[in-house]
Amino acid sequence: MEATGETEKPVSGELVSVAHALSLPAESYGNDPDIEMAWAMRAMQHAEVYYKLISSVDPQFLKLTKVDDQIYSEFRKNFEKLRIDILDPEELKSVSAKEKWRPFCLKFDGVIEDFNYGTLLRLDCSQGYTEENTIFAPRIQFFAIEIARNREGHNKVVYTSVQDKEEEKGANRGEKEKTNKGGEKEKEANKGINKHDET
């Protein structure tokens, strides 16, 4: 792909081929490790962006899609009693769970772009994305659970813990500044004493 303007940078052939590969239907591939790695990298990037978002903005005010209200109402209508603060993988991945989730997910085919795209989902919403705390889920399942977590206040723990750490860092900086200023004042006072001794 060639650059068309001076400010545009040329796109590498590798990037174009990865983008093309990711746009093809999953049935086009077996278990191609390169494709799996590209999907995993894209899912991890999405997870990192989402975690930074809920860490920096009060999650109750986040809108993840244009149809958050519809997703949330359908989700709670179909999964009224599903515990979302700490997910049980069996309630998402077992044969009976998949039978229940499939009709829910299919309602959003054509409504949510890439509704069945693989996405990383945290099991315990008070924790970050780690190998032990993460499962692979369809994008609509991620949206449904994370919208509910945001609206029901479960993700607020991430936001408040990050804000508390920031405040603590600020307070520690303030203490260091006070200490440094106190030390500087002491040095100035000592300079004055030394001048008096010299004269």
Protein backbone atom coordinates (compact mmCIF):
# COMPACT_ATOMS: atom_id res chain seq x y z
CA MET A 1 0.00 0.00 0.00
CA GLU A 2 1.49 3.34 -1.00
CA ALA A 3 1.26 6.60 0.88
CA THR A 4 -0.93 9.15 -0.87
CA GLY A 5 0.13 12.28 1.00
CA GLU A 6 3.29 13.58 2.57
CA THR A 7 1.93 13.26 6.14
CA GLU A 8 0.71 9.70 5.68
CA LYS A 9 3.16 6.93 6.47
CA PRO A 10 3.26 3.84 4.29
CA VAL A 11 1.62 0.79 5.82
CA SER A 12 3.83 -2.26 5.99
CA GLY A 13 2.91 -5.28 3.92
CA GLU A 14 2.84 -7.40 7.07
CA LEU A 15 0.28 -5.11 8.69
CA VAL A 16 -1.91 -5.20 5.60
CA SER A 17 -1.75 -9.00 5.44
CA VAL A 18 -2.61 -9.32 9.15
CA ALA A 19 -5.55 -6.93 8.73
CA HIS A 20 -6.72 -8.90 5.70
CA ALA A 21 -6.35 -12.21 7.52
CA LEU A 22 -8.35 -10.93 10.49
CA SER A 23 -11.16 -9.82 8.20
CA LEU A 24 -11.71 -13.31 6.75
CA PRO A 25 -14.26 -15.67 8.31
CA ALA A 26 -12.97 -18.06 10.94
CA GLU A 27 -13.97 -21.05 8.81
CA SER A 28 -11.18 -20.08 6.38
CA TYR A 29 -8.57 -21.25 8.87
CA GLY A 30 -7.68 -24.37 10.76
CA ASN A 31 -5.61 -23.80 13.86
CA ASP A 32 -3.12 -21.44 12.22
CA PRO A 33 -0.79 -20.30 15.06
CA ASP A 34 -0.02 -16.98 13.33
CA ILE A 35 -3.71 -16.13 13.07
CA GLU A 36 -4.35 -17.24 16.64
CA MET A 37 -1.48 -15.01 17.81
CA ALA A 38 -2.85 -12.03 15.86
CA TRP A 39 -6.30 -12.55 17.40
CA ALA A 40 -4.80 -12.92 20.88
CA MET A 41 -2.75 -9.73 20.46
CA ARG A 42 -5.80 -7.80 19.30
CA ALA A 43 -7.86 -9.15 22.23
CA MET A 44 -5.09 -8.18 24.68
CA GLN A 45 -4.92 -4.65 23.26
CA HIS A 46 -8.69 -4.34 23.70
CA ALA A 47 -8.40 -5.58 27.30
CA GLU A 48 -5.63 -3.09 28.12
CA VAL A 49 -7.61 -0.18 26.70
CA TYR A 50 -10.76 -1.20 28.55
CA TYR A 51 -8.93 -1.60 31.87
CA LYS A 52 -7.30 1.83 31.49
CA LEU A 53 -10.74 3.25 30.75
CA ILE A 54 -12.42 1.85 33.87
CA SER A 55 -9.37 2.87 35.90
CA SER A 56 -9.53 6.51 34.84
CA VAL A 57 -13.27 7.20 34.49
CA ASP A 58 -16.03 6.31 36.95
CA PRO A 59 -17.43 3.19 35.22
CA GLN A 60 -21.04 4.05 36.09
CA PHE A 61 -20.85 6.84 33.51
CA LEU A 62 -19.31 4.78 30.70
CA LYS A 63 -21.21 3.99 27.55
CA LEU A 64 -19.56 1.09 25.74
CA THR A 65 -21.91 0.87 22.74
CA LYS A 66 -24.75 2.79 21.14
CA VAL A 67 -27.15 0.13 22.42
CA ASP A 68 -26.01 -0.29 26.05
CA ASP A 69 -29.60 0.02 27.32
CA GLN A 70 -30.82 -2.75 25.01
CA ILE A 71 -27.89 -5.02 25.86
CA TYR A 72 -28.35 -4.48 29.59
CA SER A 73 -32.12 -5.05 29.61
CA GLU A 74 -31.86 -8.20 27.45
CA PHE A 75 -28.97 -9.47 29.56
CA ARG A 76 -30.78 -9.03 32.88
CA LYS A 77 -34.01 -10.41 31.41
CA ASN A 78 -32.19 -13.59 30.34
CA PHE A 79 -29.61 -13.82 33.13
CA GLU A 80 -31.40 -12.22 36.07
CA LYS A 81 -29.58 -14.18 38.76
CA LEU A 82 -26.14 -14.44 37.15
CA ARG A 83 -23.49 -13.30 39.59
CA ILE A 84 -21.26 -10.90 37.66
CA ASP A 85 -18.77 -9.61 40.26
CA ILE A 86 -17.01 -13.00 40.29
CA LEU A 87 -17.94 -15.11 37.29
CA ASP A 88 -18.11 -18.88 37.36
CA PRO A 89 -16.65 -20.08 34.02
CA GLU A 90 -19.17 -22.94 34.02
CA GLU A 91 -21.99 -20.38 33.74
CA LEU A 92 -20.42 -19.16 30.52
CA LYS A 93 -18.75 -22.20 28.95
CA SER A 94 -20.66 -25.36 29.93
CA VAL A 95 -22.90 -27.02 27.34
CA SER A 96 -26.07 -25.88 29.15
CA ALA A 97 -24.71 -22.35 29.56
CA LYS A 98 -23.82 -22.14 25.87
CA GLU A 99 -27.38 -23.20 24.98
CA LYS A 100 -28.70 -20.32 27.05
CA TRP A 101 -26.14 -17.77 25.84
CA ARG A 102 -26.43 -18.61 22.12
CA PRO A 103 -29.91 -17.08 21.55
CA PHE A 104 -28.92 -14.01 23.57
CA CYS A 105 -25.77 -13.50 21.49
CA LEU A 106 -27.54 -14.04 18.19
CA LYS A 107 -30.02 -11.23 19.01
CA PHE A 108 -27.11 -8.84 18.50
CA ASP A 109 -25.92 -10.19 15.15
CA GLY A 110 -26.03 -7.12 12.89
CA VAL A 111 -26.58 -4.81 15.88
CA ILE A 112 -23.08 -5.04 17.38
CA GLU A 113 -20.20 -5.10 14.93
CA ASP A 114 -18.19 -8.31 15.34
CA PHE A 115 -20.64 -9.45 18.04
CA ASN A 116 -19.01 -12.89 18.20
CA TYR A 117 -15.41 -11.67 18.02
CA GLY A 118 -13.16 -13.23 20.67
CA THR A 119 -12.56 -10.92 23.64
CA LEU A 120 -10.87 -11.29 27.01
CA LEU A 121 -13.18 -11.16 30.03
CA ARG A 122 -12.11 -10.85 33.68
CA LEU A 123 -13.59 -13.46 36.01
CA ASP A 124 -13.21 -11.35 39.18
CA CYS A 125 -14.01 -7.74 38.35
CA SER A 126 -12.00 -6.42 41.30
CA GLN A 127 -8.82 -7.76 39.67
CA GLY A 128 -6.96 -6.97 36.48
CA TYR A 129 -6.32 -9.04 33.39
CA THR A 130 -4.09 -11.92 34.43
CA GLU A 131 -3.84 -15.43 33.06
CA GLU A 132 -5.69 -16.84 36.08
CA ASN A 133 -8.41 -14.15 36.02
CA THR A 134 -9.19 -14.13 32.31
CA ILE A 135 -11.29 -16.20 29.94
CA PHE A 136 -11.99 -15.87 26.25
CA ALA A 137 -15.59 -14.85 25.47
CA PRO A 138 -17.61 -13.53 22.53
CA ARG A 139 -17.65 -9.73 22.29
CA ILE A 140 -21.39 -9.46 23.05
CA GLN A 141 -20.91 -11.54 26.20
CA PHE A 142 -18.11 -9.16 27.24
CA PHE A 143 -20.34 -6.14 26.58
CA ALA A 144 -23.31 -7.61 28.45
CA ILE A 145 -21.31 -8.49 31.55
CA GLU A 146 -19.17 -5.34 31.60
CA ILE A 147 -22.15 -3.02 31.02
CA ALA A 148 -23.91 -4.73 33.93
CA ARG A 149 -20.79 -4.50 36.09
CA ASN A 150 -20.52 -0.79 35.33
CA ARG A 151 -24.18 -0.01 35.94
CA GLU A 152 -24.44 -2.12 39.07
CA GLY A 153 -21.28 -0.60 40.58
CA HIS A 154 -19.07 -3.70 40.54
CA ASN A 155 -16.30 -2.11 38.45
CA LYS A 156 -16.11 0.91 40.74
CA VAL A 157 -13.61 -1.00 42.90
CA VAL A 158 -11.04 -0.78 40.08
CA TYR A 159 -11.61 2.94 39.62
CA THR A 160 -11.47 3.76 43.34
CA SER A 161 -8.37 1.64 43.97
CA VAL A 162 -6.50 3.41 41.15
CA GLN A 163 -7.73 6.82 42.35
CA ASP A 164 -6.68 5.99 45.93
CA LYS A 165 -3.20 5.02 44.69
CA GLU A 166 -2.96 8.29 42.74
CA GLU A 167 -4.00 10.30 45.81
CA GLU A 168 -1.48 8.39 47.91
CA LYS A 169 1.29 9.15 45.40
CA GLY A 170 0.26 12.81 45.45
CA ALA A 171 0.29 12.88 49.25
CA ASN A 172 3.70 11.21 49.32
CA ARG A 173 5.01 13.80 46.84
CA GLY A 174 3.60 16.54 49.05
CA GLU A 175 5.34 15.09 52.10
CA LYS A 176 8.62 14.85 50.20
CA GLU A 177 8.27 18.46 49.07
CA LYS A 178 7.59 19.58 52.64
CA THR A 179 10.59 17.58 53.83
CA ASN A 180 12.77 19.00 51.06
CA LYS A 181 11.61 22.54 51.75
CA GLY A 182 12.26 21.98 55.45
CA GLY A 183 15.72 20.66 54.62
CA GLU A 184 16.36 23.66 52.36
CA LYS A 185 15.30 26.04 55.13
CA GLU A 186 17.66 24.23 57.52
CA LYS A 187 20.52 24.57 55.01
CA GLU A 188 19.78 28.29 54.64
CA ALA A 189 19.75 28.69 58.41
CA ASN A 190 23.06 26.81 58.68
CA LYS A 191 24.56 29.06 55.99
CA GLY A 192 23.54 32.09 58.05
CA ILE A 193 25.14 30.59 61.18
CA ASN A 194 28.32 29.76 59.28
CA LYS A 195 28.52 33.34 57.98
CA HIS A 196 28.18 34.69 61.52
CA ASP A 197 30.95 32.34 62.72
CA GLU A 198 33.27 33.49 59.94
CA THR A 199 32.93 37.17 60.77
